[in-house]
């Protein structure tokens, strides 16, 4: 859960920084802080839900989409090593 919150906070901080730069460079006037805080909460909520869903269901996503690792499911098995004399 702490990963989800950390990613959401990072997205919100990045949004505020980009919004401040945008207001300085393109609009040439600052919006009220109340509007920026409200928009940041909206962005935070919109970021939290998909990130939470990803971390909650990431093991089931590959099953849901039917994705297998390249080489099939046997690729994760330990390879067999023959150290004895060959049998042929």
PDB file of N, CA and C in Angstrom:
ATOM      1  N   UNK A   1       0.827  -1.196   0.000  1.00  0.00           N
ATOM      2  CA  UNK A   1       0.000   0.000   0.000  1.00  0.00           C
ATOM      3  C   UNK A   1       0.870   1.257   0.000  1.00  0.00           C
ATOM      4  N   UNK A   2       2.033   1.161   0.662  1.00  0.00           N
ATOM      5  CA  UNK A   2       2.886   2.351   0.708  1.00  0.00           C
ATOM      6  C   UNK A   2       3.440   2.693  -0.676  1.00  0.00           C
ATOM      7  N   UNK A   3       3.612   1.683  -1.553  1.00  0.00           N
ATOM      8  CA  UNK A   3       4.043   1.970  -2.925  1.00  0.00           C
ATOM      9  C   UNK A   3       2.993   2.785  -3.669  1.00  0.00           C
ATOM     10  N   UNK A   4       1.750   2.436  -3.472  1.00  0.00           N
ATOM     11  CA  UNK A   4       0.649   3.137  -4.147  1.00  0.00           C
ATOM     12  C   UNK A   4       0.602   4.590  -3.692  1.00  0.00           C
ATOM     13  N   UNK A   5       0.717   4.801  -2.393  1.00  0.00           N
ATOM     14  CA  UNK A   5       0.657   6.170  -1.859  1.00  0.00           C
ATOM     15  C   UNK A   5       1.870   6.974  -2.313  1.00  0.00           C
ATOM     16  N   UNK A   6       3.045   6.352  -2.315  1.00  0.00           N
ATOM     17  CA  UNK A   6       4.250   7.050  -2.754  1.00  0.00           C
ATOM     18  C   UNK A   6       4.156   7.460  -4.223  1.00  0.00           C
ATOM     19  N   UNK A   7       3.672   6.572  -5.064  1.00  0.00           N
ATOM     20  CA  UNK A   7       3.518   6.901  -6.489  1.00  0.00           C
ATOM     21  C   UNK A   7       2.477   8.002  -6.675  1.00  0.00           C
ATOM     22  N   UNK A   8       1.373   7.937  -5.932  1.00  0.00           N
ATOM     23  CA  UNK A   8       0.330   8.960  -6.038  1.00  0.00           C
ATOM     24  C   UNK A   8       0.851  10.322  -5.596  1.00  0.00           C
ATOM     25  N   UNK A   9       1.588  10.371  -4.497  1.00  0.00           N
ATOM     26  CA  UNK A   9       2.154  11.638  -4.024  1.00  0.00           C
ATOM     27  C   UNK A   9       3.149  12.184  -5.036  1.00  0.00           C
ATOM     28  N   UNK A  10       3.953  11.315  -5.629  1.00  0.00           N
ATOM     29  CA  UNK A  10       4.909  11.752  -6.647  1.00  0.00           C
ATOM     30  C   UNK A  10       4.189  12.350  -7.848  1.00  0.00           C
ATOM     31  N   UNK A  11       3.111  11.729  -8.274  1.00  0.00           N
ATOM     32  CA  UNK A  11       2.334  12.254  -9.403  1.00  0.00           C
ATOM     33  C   UNK A  11       1.741  13.614  -9.052  1.00  0.00           C
ATOM     34  N   UNK A  12       1.230  13.758  -7.825  1.00  0.00           N
ATOM     35  CA  UNK A  12       0.634  15.034  -7.416  1.00  0.00           C
ATOM     36  C   UNK A  12       1.674  16.147  -7.354  1.00  0.00           C
ATOM     37  N   UNK A  13       2.843  15.845  -6.808  1.00  0.00           N
ATOM     38  CA  UNK A  13       3.906  16.860  -6.735  1.00  0.00           C
ATOM     39  C   UNK A  13       4.344  17.249  -8.134  1.00  0.00           C
ATOM     40  N   UNK A  14       4.507  16.267  -9.002  1.00  0.00           N
ATOM     41  CA  UNK A  14       4.888  16.562 -10.383  1.00  0.00           C
ATOM     42  C   UNK A  14       3.827  17.409 -11.070  1.00  0.00           C
ATOM     43  N   UNK A  15       2.548  17.125 -10.807  1.00  0.00           N
ATOM     44  CA  UNK A  15       1.471  17.916 -11.389  1.00  0.00           C
ATOM     45  C   UNK A  15       1.537  19.371 -10.924  1.00  0.00           C
ATOM     46  N   UNK A  16       1.760  19.582  -9.630  1.00  0.00           N
ATOM     47  CA  UNK A  16       1.828  20.953  -9.101  1.00  0.00           C
ATOM     48  C   UNK A  16       3.001  21.702  -9.722  1.00  0.00           C
ATOM     49  N   UNK A  17       4.151  21.051  -9.853  1.00  0.00           N
ATOM     50  CA  UNK A  17       5.316  21.702 -10.447  1.00  0.00           C
ATOM     51  C   UNK A  17       5.042  22.076 -11.898  1.00  0.00           C
ATOM     52  N   UNK A  18       4.476  21.153 -12.655  1.00  0.00           N
ATOM     53  CA  UNK A  18       4.173  21.431 -14.063  1.00  0.00           C
ATOM     54  C   UNK A  18       3.127  22.532 -14.179  1.00  0.00           C
ATOM     55  N   UNK A  19       2.141  22.527 -13.303  1.00  0.00           N
ATOM     56  CA  UNK A  19       1.098  23.559 -13.335  1.00  0.00           C
ATOM     57  C   UNK A  19       1.681  24.942 -13.033  1.00  0.00           C
ATOM     58  N   UNK A  20       2.583  25.016 -12.051  1.00  0.00           N
ATOM     59  CA  UNK A  20       3.215  26.299 -11.724  1.00  0.00           C
ATOM     60  C   UNK A  20       4.061  26.808 -12.895  1.00  0.00           C
ATOM     61  N   UNK A  21       4.813  25.910 -13.515  1.00  0.00           N
ATOM     62  CA  UNK A  21       5.632  26.308 -14.670  1.00  0.00           C
ATOM     63  C   UNK A  21       4.736  26.763 -15.819  1.00  0.00           C
ATOM     64  N   UNK A  22       3.644  26.054 -16.028  1.00  0.00           N
ATOM     65  CA  UNK A  22       2.708  26.433 -17.089  1.00  0.00           C
ATOM     66  C   UNK A  22       2.123  27.820 -16.835  1.00  0.00           C
ATOM     67  N   UNK A  23       1.739  28.090 -15.599  1.00  0.00           N
ATOM     68  CA  UNK A  23       1.152  29.400 -15.292  1.00  0.00           C
ATOM     69  C   UNK A  23       2.178  30.511 -15.453  1.00  0.00           C
ATOM     70  N   UNK A  24       3.424  30.232 -15.112  1.00  0.00           N
ATOM     71  CA  UNK A  24       4.472  31.252 -15.255  1.00  0.00           C
ATOM     72  C   UNK A  24       4.783  31.549 -16.716  1.00  0.00           C
ATOM     73  N   UNK A  25       4.873  30.491 -17.528  1.00  0.00           N
ATOM     74  CA  UNK A  25       5.359  30.666 -18.890  1.00  0.00           C
ATOM     75  C   UNK A  25       4.262  30.974 -19.902  1.00  0.00           C
ATOM     76  N   UNK A  26       3.126  30.318 -19.819  1.00  0.00           N
ATOM     77  CA  UNK A  26       2.132  30.482 -20.873  1.00  0.00           C
ATOM     78  C   UNK A  26       1.009  31.441 -20.513  1.00  0.00           C
ATOM     79  N   UNK A  27       0.522  31.381 -19.295  1.00  0.00           N
ATOM     80  CA  UNK A  27      -0.634  32.193 -18.939  1.00  0.00           C
ATOM     81  C   UNK A  27      -0.259  33.559 -18.375  1.00  0.00           C
ATOM     82  N   UNK A  28       0.938  33.693 -17.877  1.00  0.00           N
ATOM     83  CA  UNK A  28       1.457  34.949 -17.331  1.00  0.00           C
ATOM     84  C   UNK A  28       0.663  35.467 -16.130  1.00  0.00           C
ATOM     85  N   UNK A  29      -0.196  34.670 -15.559  1.00  0.00           N
ATOM     86  CA  UNK A  29      -0.894  35.061 -14.329  1.00  0.00           C
ATOM     87  C   UNK A  29      -1.118  33.812 -13.482  1.00  0.00           C
ATOM     88  N   UNK A  30      -1.101  34.000 -12.194  1.00  0.00           N
ATOM     89  CA  UNK A  30      -1.245  32.886 -11.262  1.00  0.00           C
ATOM     90  C   UNK A  30      -2.722  32.672 -10.932  1.00  0.00           C
ATOM     91  N   UNK A  31      -3.138  31.421 -10.907  1.00  0.00           N
ATOM     92  CA  UNK A  31      -4.491  31.089 -10.480  1.00  0.00           C
ATOM     93  C   UNK A  31      -4.528  31.077  -8.962  1.00  0.00           C
ATOM     94  N   UNK A  32      -5.719  31.180  -8.397  1.00  0.00           N
ATOM     95  CA  UNK A  32      -5.815  31.080  -6.936  1.00  0.00           C
ATOM     96  C   UNK A  32      -5.343  29.703  -6.452  1.00  0.00           C
ATOM     97  N   UNK A  33      -4.715  29.695  -5.295  1.00  0.00           N
ATOM     98  CA  UNK A  33      -4.188  28.464  -4.730  1.00  0.00           C
ATOM     99  C   UNK A  33      -5.296  27.440  -4.483  1.00  0.00           C
ATOM    100  N   UNK A  34      -6.491  27.937  -4.190  1.00  0.00           N
ATOM    101  CA  UNK A  34      -7.641  27.054  -3.949  1.00  0.00           C
ATOM    102  C   UNK A  34      -7.918  26.186  -5.168  1.00  0.00           C
ATOM    103  N   UNK A  35      -7.844  26.748  -6.351  1.00  0.00           N
ATOM    104  CA  UNK A  35      -8.092  25.995  -7.587  1.00  0.00           C
ATOM    105  C   UNK A  35      -6.999  24.956  -7.832  1.00  0.00           C
ATOM    106  N   UNK A  36      -5.763  25.334  -7.553  1.00  0.00           N
ATOM    107  CA  UNK A  36      -4.651  24.404  -7.762  1.00  0.00           C
ATOM    108  C   UNK A  36      -4.757  23.220  -6.810  1.00  0.00           C
ATOM    109  N   UNK A  37      -5.119  23.478  -5.558  1.00  0.00           N
ATOM    110  CA  UNK A  37      -5.266  22.399  -4.580  1.00  0.00           C
ATOM    111  C   UNK A  37      -6.410  21.470  -4.984  1.00  0.00           C
ATOM    112  N   UNK A  38      -7.519  22.031  -5.432  1.00  0.00           N
ATOM    113  CA  UNK A  38      -8.655  21.218  -5.863  1.00  0.00           C
ATOM    114  C   UNK A  38      -8.272  20.338  -7.054  1.00  0.00           C
ATOM    115  N   UNK A  39      -7.585  20.905  -8.039  1.00  0.00           N
ATOM    116  CA  UNK A  39      -7.160  20.140  -9.201  1.00  0.00           C
ATOM    117  C   UNK A  39      -6.152  19.060  -8.815  1.00  0.00           C
ATOM    118  N   UNK A  40      -5.300  19.352  -7.832  1.00  0.00           N
ATOM    119  CA  UNK A  40      -4.324  18.368  -7.373  1.00  0.00           C
ATOM    120  C   UNK A  40      -5.011  17.185  -6.705  1.00  0.00           C
ATOM    121  N   UNK A  41      -6.062  17.439  -5.923  1.00  0.00           N
ATOM    122  CA  UNK A  41      -6.811  16.333  -5.326  1.00  0.00           C
ATOM    123  C   UNK A  41      -7.509  15.491  -6.392  1.00  0.00           C
ATOM    124  N   UNK A  42      -8.006  16.131  -7.422  1.00  0.00           N
ATOM    125  CA  UNK A  42      -8.640  15.383  -8.517  1.00  0.00           C
ATOM    126  C   UNK A  42      -7.614  14.514  -9.225  1.00  0.00           C
ATOM    127  N   UNK A  43      -6.438  15.086  -9.509  1.00  0.00           N
ATOM    128  CA  UNK A  43      -5.370  14.315 -10.150  1.00  0.00           C
ATOM    129  C   UNK A  43      -4.919  13.178  -9.237  1.00  0.00           C
ATOM    130  N   UNK A  44      -4.820  13.439  -7.945  1.00  0.00           N
ATOM    131  CA  UNK A  44      -4.417  12.403  -6.998  1.00  0.00           C
ATOM    132  C   UNK A  44      -5.401  11.247  -6.962  1.00  0.00           C
ATOM    133  N   UNK A  45      -6.689  11.565  -6.968  1.00  0.00           N
ATOM    134  CA  UNK A  45      -7.702  10.509  -6.985  1.00  0.00           C
ATOM    135  C   UNK A  45      -7.676   9.708  -8.273  1.00  0.00           C
ATOM    136  N   UNK A  46      -7.482  10.418  -9.382  1.00  0.00           N
ATOM    137  CA  UNK A  46      -7.425   9.735 -10.675  1.00  0.00           C
ATOM    138  C   UNK A  46      -6.147   8.909 -10.815  1.00  0.00           C
ATOM    139  N   UNK A  47      -5.098   9.278 -10.126  1.00  0.00           N
ATOM    140  CA  UNK A  47      -3.856   8.500 -10.167  1.00  0.00           C
ATOM    141  C   UNK A  47      -3.904   7.332  -9.196  1.00  0.00           C
ATOM    142  N   UNK A  48      -4.552   7.520  -8.045  1.00  0.00           N
ATOM    143  CA  UNK A  48      -4.571   6.493  -7.014  1.00  0.00           C
ATOM    144  C   UNK A  48      -5.313   5.239  -7.458  1.00  0.00           C
ATOM    145  N   UNK A  49      -6.469   5.410  -8.065  1.00  0.00           N
ATOM    146  CA  UNK A  49      -7.301   4.255  -8.418  1.00  0.00           C
ATOM    147  C   UNK A  49      -6.623   3.286  -9.397  1.00  0.00           C
ATOM    148  N   UNK A  50      -6.076   3.744 -10.522  1.00  0.00           N
ATOM    149  CA  UNK A  50      -5.432   2.762 -11.410  1.00  0.00           C
ATOM    150  C   UNK A  50      -4.153   2.161 -10.826  1.00  0.00           C
ATOM    151  N   UNK A  51      -3.384   2.956 -10.073  1.00  0.00           N
ATOM    152  CA  UNK A  51      -2.166   2.418  -9.469  1.00  0.00           C
ATOM    153  C   UNK A  51      -2.522   1.365  -8.423  1.00  0.00           C
ATOM    154  N   UNK A  52      -3.528   1.632  -7.616  1.00  0.00           N
ATOM    155  CA  UNK A  52      -3.983   0.655  -6.627  1.00  0.00           C
ATOM    156  C   UNK A  52      -4.476  -0.612  -7.318  1.00  0.00           C
ATOM    157  N   UNK A  53      -5.267  -0.447  -8.382  1.00  0.00           N
ATOM    158  CA  UNK A  53      -5.789  -1.611  -9.105  1.00  0.00           C
ATOM    159  C   UNK A  53      -4.650  -2.423  -9.715  1.00  0.00           C
ATOM    160  N   UNK A  54      -3.642  -1.749 -10.229  1.00  0.00           N
ATOM    161  CA  UNK A  54      -2.507  -2.470 -10.809  1.00  0.00           C
ATOM    162  C   UNK A  54      -1.803  -3.317  -9.755  1.00  0.00           C
ATOM    163  N   UNK A  55      -1.473  -2.713  -8.615  1.00  0.00           N
ATOM    164  CA  UNK A  55      -0.769  -3.456  -7.582  1.00  0.00           C
ATOM    165  C   UNK A  55      -1.657  -4.535  -6.947  1.00  0.00           C
ATOM    166  N   UNK A  56      -2.938  -4.327  -6.931  1.00  0.00           N
ATOM    167  CA  UNK A  56      -3.855  -5.294  -6.351  1.00  0.00           C
ATOM    168  C   UNK A  56      -4.007  -6.533  -7.246  1.00  0.00           C
ATOM    169  N   UNK A  57      -4.053  -6.308  -8.538  1.00  0.00           N
ATOM    170  CA  UNK A  57      -4.368  -7.380  -9.467  1.00  0.00           C
ATOM    171  C   UNK A  57      -3.237  -7.726 -10.422  1.00  0.00           C
ATOM    172  N   UNK A  58      -2.003  -7.322 -10.161  1.00  0.00           N
ATOM    173  CA  UNK A  58      -0.932  -7.524 -11.141  1.00  0.00           C
ATOM    174  C   UNK A  58      -0.643  -8.997 -11.398  1.00  0.00           C
ATOM    175  N   UNK A  59      -0.828  -9.859 -10.414  1.00  0.00           N
ATOM    176  CA  UNK A  59      -0.617 -11.283 -10.653  1.00  0.00           C
ATOM    177  C   UNK A  59      -1.711 -11.862 -11.544  1.00  0.00           C
ATOM    178  N   UNK A  60      -2.910 -11.348 -11.444  1.00  0.00           N
ATOM    179  CA  UNK A  60      -4.033 -11.867 -12.222  1.00  0.00           C
ATOM    180  C   UNK A  60      -4.157 -11.230 -13.595  1.00  0.00           C
ATOM    181  N   UNK A  61      -3.454 -10.127 -13.852  1.00  0.00           N
ATOM    182  CA  UNK A  61      -3.592  -9.448 -15.138  1.00  0.00           C
ATOM    183  C   UNK A  61      -3.098 -10.319 -16.289  1.00  0.00           C
ATOM    184  N   UNK A  62      -1.982 -11.013 -16.105  1.00  0.00           N
ATOM    185  CA  UNK A  62      -1.479 -11.842 -17.192  1.00  0.00           C
ATOM    186  C   UNK A  62      -2.431 -13.006 -17.459  1.00  0.00           C
ATOM    187  N   UNK A  63      -3.057 -13.544 -16.418  1.00  0.00           N
ATOM    188  CA  UNK A  63      -4.049 -14.598 -16.618  1.00  0.00           C
ATOM    189  C   UNK A  63      -5.287 -14.054 -17.322  1.00  0.00           C
ATOM    190  N   UNK A  64      -5.685 -12.851 -16.971  1.00  0.00           N
ATOM    191  CA  UNK A  64      -6.888 -12.249 -17.535  1.00  0.00           C
ATOM    192  C   UNK A  64      -6.719 -11.968 -19.016  1.00  0.00           C
ATOM    193  N   UNK A  65      -5.525 -11.482 -19.403  1.00  0.00           N
ATOM    194  CA  UNK A  65      -5.275 -11.179 -20.803  1.00  0.00           C
ATOM    195  C   UNK A  65      -4.765 -12.397 -21.574  1.00  0.00           C
ATOM    196  N   UNK A  66      -4.470 -13.486 -20.878  1.00  0.00           N
ATOM    197  CA  UNK A  66      -3.989 -14.686 -21.539  1.00  0.00           C
ATOM    198  C   UNK A  66      -2.561 -14.571 -22.013  1.00  0.00           C
ATOM    199  N   UNK A  67      -1.737 -13.814 -21.320  1.00  0.00           N
ATOM    200  CA  UNK A  67      -0.352 -13.605 -21.720  1.00  0.00           C
ATOM    201  C   UNK A  67       0.523 -14.637 -21.025  1.00  0.00           C
ATOM    202  N   UNK A  68       1.405 -15.260 -21.797  1.00  0.00           N
ATOM    203  CA  UNK A  68       2.366 -16.202 -21.244  1.00  0.00           C
ATOM    204  C   UNK A  68       3.766 -15.659 -21.484  1.00  0.00           C
ATOM    205  N   UNK A  69       4.727 -16.043 -20.647  1.00  0.00           N
ATOM    206  CA  UNK A  69       6.111 -15.642 -20.927  1.00  0.00           C
ATOM    207  C   UNK A  69       6.579 -16.222 -22.249  1.00  0.00           C
ATOM    208  N   UNK A  70       7.529 -15.570 -22.890  1.00  0.00           N
ATOM    209  CA  UNK A  70       8.078 -16.072 -24.145  1.00  0.00           C
ATOM    210  C   UNK A  70       8.740 -17.412 -23.863  1.00  0.00           C
ATOM    211  N   UNK A  71       8.407 -18.401 -24.632  1.00  0.00           N
ATOM    212  CA  UNK A  71       8.942 -19.738 -24.412  1.00  0.00           C
ATOM    213  C   UNK A  71       7.992 -20.612 -23.618  1.00  0.00           C
ATOM    214  N   UNK A  72       6.839 -20.098 -23.255  1.00  0.00           N
ATOM    215  CA  UNK A  72       5.853 -20.866 -22.508  1.00  0.00           C
ATOM    216  C   UNK A  72       6.088 -20.797 -21.010  1.00  0.00           C
ATOM    217  N   UNK A  73       5.270 -21.530 -20.274  1.00  0.00           N
ATOM    218  CA  UNK A  73       5.362 -21.509 -18.821  1.00  0.00           C
ATOM    219  C   UNK A  73       6.545 -22.324 -18.307  1.00  0.00           C
ATOM    220  N   UNK A  74       7.106 -23.203 -19.162  1.00  0.00           N
ATOM    221  CA  UNK A  74       8.227 -24.038 -18.745  1.00  0.00           C
ATOM    222  C   UNK A  74       9.536 -23.259 -18.682  1.00  0.00           C
ATOM    223  N   UNK A  75       9.543 -22.022 -19.137  1.00  0.00           N
ATOM    224  CA  UNK A  75      10.769 -21.236 -19.149  1.00  0.00           C
ATOM    225  C   UNK A  75      11.249 -20.922 -17.730  1.00  0.00           C
ATOM    226  N   UNK A  76      10.368 -20.974 -16.755  1.00  0.00           N
ATOM    227  CA  UNK A  76      10.731 -20.638 -15.390  1.00  0.00           C
ATOM    228  C   UNK A  76      11.297 -21.830 -14.626  1.00  0.00           C
ATOM    229  N   UNK A  77      11.301 -23.032 -15.228  1.00  0.00           N
ATOM    230  CA  UNK A  77      11.839 -24.213 -14.573  1.00  0.00           C
ATOM    231  C   UNK A  77      13.361 -24.161 -14.555  1.00  0.00           C
ATOM    232  N   UNK A  78      13.955 -24.802 -13.566  1.00  0.00           N
ATOM    233  CA  UNK A  78      15.410 -24.887 -13.471  1.00  0.00           C
ATOM    234  C   UNK A  78      15.922 -25.826 -14.559  1.00  0.00           C
ATOM    235  N   UNK A  79      16.943 -25.422 -15.301  1.00  0.00           N
ATOM    236  CA  UNK A  79      17.443 -26.295 -16.368  1.00  0.00           C
ATOM    237  C   UNK A  79      18.139 -27.522 -15.789  1.00  0.00           C
ATOM    238  N   UNK A  80      18.039 -28.624 -16.521  1.00  0.00           N
ATOM    239  CA  UNK A  80      18.717 -29.850 -16.108  1.00  0.00           C
ATOM    240  C   UNK A  80      20.143 -29.827 -16.634  1.00  0.00           C
ATOM    241  N   UNK A  81      21.094 -30.181 -15.775  1.00  0.00           N
ATOM    242  CA  UNK A  81      22.504 -30.188 -16.142  1.00  0.00           C
ATOM    243  C   UNK A  81      23.016 -31.617 -15.986  1.00  0.00           C
ATOM    244  N   UNK A  82      23.622 -32.120 -17.047  1.00  0.00           N
ATOM    245  CA  UNK A  82      24.175 -33.454 -17.022  1.00  0.00           C
ATOM    246  C   UNK A  82      25.679 -33.351 -16.793  1.00  0.00           C
ATOM    247  N   UNK A  83      26.157 -33.928 -15.683  1.00  0.00           N
ATOM    248  CA  UNK A  83      27.573 -33.864 -15.353  1.00  0.00           C
ATOM    249  C   UNK A  83      28.248 -35.239 -15.428  1.00  0.00           C
ATOM    250  N   UNK A  84      27.490 -36.240 -15.786  1.00  0.00           N
ATOM    251  CA  UNK A  84      28.013 -37.603 -15.881  1.00  0.00           C
ATOM    252  C   UNK A  84      28.468 -37.878 -17.309  1.00  0.00           C
ATOM    253  N   UNK A  85      29.015 -39.041 -17.527  1.00  0.00           N
ATOM    254  CA  UNK A  85      29.408 -39.430 -18.881  1.00  0.00           C
ATOM    255  C   UNK A  85      28.165 -39.566 -19.747  1.00  0.00           C
ATOM    256  N   UNK A  86      28.269 -39.180 -21.026  1.00  0.00           N
ATOM    257  CA  UNK A  86      27.097 -39.275 -21.897  1.00  0.00           C
ATOM    258  C   UNK A  86      26.651 -40.719 -22.057  1.00  0.00           C
ATOM    259  N   UNK A  87      25.356 -40.934 -22.181  1.00  0.00           N
ATOM    260  CA  UNK A  87      24.793 -42.266 -22.261  1.00  0.00           C
ATOM    261  C   UNK A  87      24.703 -42.812 -23.671  1.00  0.00           C
ATOM    262  N   UNK A  88      25.313 -42.166 -24.655  1.00  0.00           N
ATOM    263  CA  UNK A  88      25.218 -42.684 -26.023  1.00  0.00           C
ATOM    264  C   UNK A  88      26.497 -43.339 -26.467  1.00  0.00           C
TER     265      UNK A  88
END
